[in-house]
Amino acid sequence: MQPSQAPVIVDARGLMPPEPLNLTLEALDVLPPDGEVILLLYREPTPLYDVLRRNGYAHRTEIRDGGEFAVHIRHAARV
């Protein structure tokens, strides 16, 4: 059994749209099947959620201390 890969961190705090979306999509383009991207932002990226769903990704968003958002993105499980 191989150890899981470290997640790819996309630190988009302080960046203006559409740069966070562009960086996230670039990271997802090369995401291995068992990989994870963590997007860090100071605001919730609500428009991103539909883009992720339509392209076969699942996400979980956590709100950290100080109002920072961490969006954990993985390939959606296929049923």
C-alpha atoms as a PDB file:
ATOM      1  CA  MET A   1       0.000   0.000   0.000  1.00  0.00           C
ATOM      2  CA  GLN A   2       1.398   3.382  -1.005  1.00  0.00           C
ATOM      3  CA  PRO A   3       1.247   6.316   1.376  1.00  0.00           C
ATOM      4  CA  SER A   4      -1.266   8.937   0.274  1.00  0.00           C
ATOM      5  CA  GLN A   5       0.091  11.969  -1.497  1.00  0.00           C
ATOM      6  CA  ALA A   6       0.288  15.303   0.240  1.00  0.00           C
ATOM      7  CA  PRO A   7      -2.539  17.595  -0.856  1.00  0.00           C
ATOM      8  CA  VAL A   8      -1.855  20.346  -3.374  1.00  0.00           C
ATOM      9  CA  ILE A   9      -2.332  23.701  -1.631  1.00  0.00           C
ATOM     10  CA  VAL A  10      -3.683  26.596  -3.686  1.00  0.00           C
ATOM     11  CA  ASP A  11      -3.199  29.667  -1.522  1.00  0.00           C
ATOM     12  CA  ALA A  12      -5.471  32.220  -3.160  1.00  0.00           C
ATOM     13  CA  ARG A  13      -5.868  34.446  -0.127  1.00  0.00           C
ATOM     14  CA  GLY A  14      -5.695  38.039  -1.238  1.00  0.00           C
ATOM     15  CA  LEU A  15      -5.975  37.280  -4.962  1.00  0.00           C
ATOM     16  CA  MET A  16      -8.668  38.890  -7.063  1.00  0.00           C
ATOM     17  CA  PRO A  17     -11.076  36.929  -9.267  1.00  0.00           C
ATOM     18  CA  PRO A  18     -10.670  35.121 -11.564  1.00  0.00           C
ATOM     19  CA  GLU A  19      -7.154  34.178 -10.394  1.00  0.00           C
ATOM     20  CA  PRO A  20      -8.282  31.806  -7.571  1.00  0.00           C
ATOM     21  CA  LEU A  21     -10.541  29.928 -10.010  1.00  0.00           C
ATOM     22  CA  ASN A  22      -7.824  29.746 -12.662  1.00  0.00           C
ATOM     23  CA  LEU A  23      -5.222  28.438 -10.194  1.00  0.00           C
ATOM     24  CA  THR A  24      -7.669  25.868  -8.847  1.00  0.00           C
ATOM     25  CA  LEU A  25      -8.614  24.594 -12.305  1.00  0.00           C
ATOM     26  CA  GLU A  26      -4.935  24.311 -13.249  1.00  0.00           C
ATOM     27  CA  ALA A  27      -4.281  22.221 -10.126  1.00  0.00           C
ATOM     28  CA  LEU A  28      -7.307  20.017 -10.858  1.00  0.00           C
ATOM     29  CA  ASP A  29      -6.106  19.380 -14.417  1.00  0.00           C
ATOM     30  CA  VAL A  30      -3.175  17.354 -13.061  1.00  0.00           C
ATOM     31  CA  LEU A  31      -4.832  15.940  -9.927  1.00  0.00           C
ATOM     32  CA  PRO A  32      -4.259  12.177  -9.630  1.00  0.00           C
ATOM     33  CA  PRO A  33      -7.334   9.991  -8.978  1.00  0.00           C
ATOM     34  CA  ASP A  34      -6.645   9.777  -5.224  1.00  0.00           C
ATOM     35  CA  GLY A  35      -5.314  13.325  -4.861  1.00  0.00           C
ATOM     36  CA  GLU A  36      -6.705  16.367  -3.116  1.00  0.00           C
ATOM     37  CA  VAL A  37      -6.503  20.102  -3.732  1.00  0.00           C
ATOM     38  CA  ILE A  38      -7.000  22.468  -0.808  1.00  0.00           C
ATOM     39  CA  LEU A  39      -8.016  25.976  -1.821  1.00  0.00           C
ATOM     40  CA  LEU A  40      -7.418  28.683   0.795  1.00  0.00           C
ATOM     41  CA  LEU A  41      -9.478  31.881   0.587  1.00  0.00           C
ATOM     42  CA  TYR A  42     -10.788  34.726   2.722  1.00  0.00           C
ATOM     43  CA  ARG A  43     -14.290  34.354   1.249  1.00  0.00           C
ATOM     44  CA  GLU A  44     -16.468  31.404   0.335  1.00  0.00           C
ATOM     45  CA  PRO A  45     -16.141  30.581  -3.390  1.00  0.00           C
ATOM     46  CA  THR A  46     -19.813  29.787  -3.975  1.00  0.00           C
ATOM     47  CA  PRO A  47     -19.631  30.014  -7.813  1.00  0.00           C
ATOM     48  CA  LEU A  48     -16.848  27.403  -7.777  1.00  0.00           C
ATOM     49  CA  TYR A  49     -19.083  24.719  -6.280  1.00  0.00           C
ATOM     50  CA  ASP A  50     -21.237  24.352  -9.396  1.00  0.00           C
ATOM     51  CA  VAL A  51     -18.143  24.259 -11.626  1.00  0.00           C
ATOM     52  CA  LEU A  52     -16.724  21.462  -9.475  1.00  0.00           C
ATOM     53  CA  ARG A  53     -19.940  19.450  -9.500  1.00  0.00           C
ATOM     54  CA  ARG A  54     -20.353  19.744 -13.278  1.00  0.00           C
ATOM     55  CA  ASN A  55     -16.779  18.545 -13.803  1.00  0.00           C
ATOM     56  CA  GLY A  56     -16.885  15.489 -11.542  1.00  0.00           C
ATOM     57  CA  TYR A  57     -15.387  16.815  -8.316  1.00  0.00           C
ATOM     58  CA  ALA A  58     -16.591  16.665  -4.726  1.00  0.00           C
ATOM     59  CA  HIS A  59     -15.747  19.290  -2.143  1.00  0.00           C
ATOM     60  CA  ARG A  60     -15.897  19.925   1.565  1.00  0.00           C
ATOM     61  CA  THR A  61     -15.566  23.458   2.891  1.00  0.00           C
ATOM     62  CA  GLU A  62     -14.333  24.303   6.349  1.00  0.00           C
ATOM     63  CA  ILE A  63     -14.359  27.715   7.969  1.00  0.00           C
ATOM     64  CA  ARG A  64     -11.242  28.255  10.016  1.00  0.00           C
ATOM     65  CA  ASP A  65     -10.522  30.716  12.791  1.00  0.00           C
ATOM     66  CA  GLY A  66     -10.411  34.248  11.474  1.00  0.00           C
ATOM     67  CA  GLY A  67     -12.972  33.580   8.739  1.00  0.00           C
ATOM     68  CA  GLU A  68     -10.600  31.806   6.374  1.00  0.00           C
ATOM     69  CA  PHE A  69     -12.126  29.163   4.084  1.00  0.00           C
ATOM     70  CA  ALA A  70     -10.404  25.904   3.181  1.00  0.00           C
ATOM     71  CA  VAL A  71     -12.078  24.053   0.330  1.00  0.00           C
ATOM     72  CA  HIS A  72     -10.997  20.399   0.080  1.00  0.00           C
ATOM     73  CA  ILE A  73     -11.504  19.128  -3.469  1.00  0.00           C
ATOM     74  CA  ARG A  74     -11.280  15.529  -4.710  1.00  0.00           C
ATOM     75  CA  HIS A  75     -12.539  13.510  -7.641  1.00  0.00           C
ATOM     76  CA  ALA A  76     -16.148  12.527  -6.944  1.00  0.00           C
ATOM     77  CA  ALA A  77     -16.721   8.846  -6.170  1.00  0.00           C
ATOM     78  CA  ARG A  78     -18.179   7.012  -9.119  1.00  0.00           C
ATOM     79  CA  VAL A  79     -21.222   4.925  -8.359  1.00  0.00           C
END
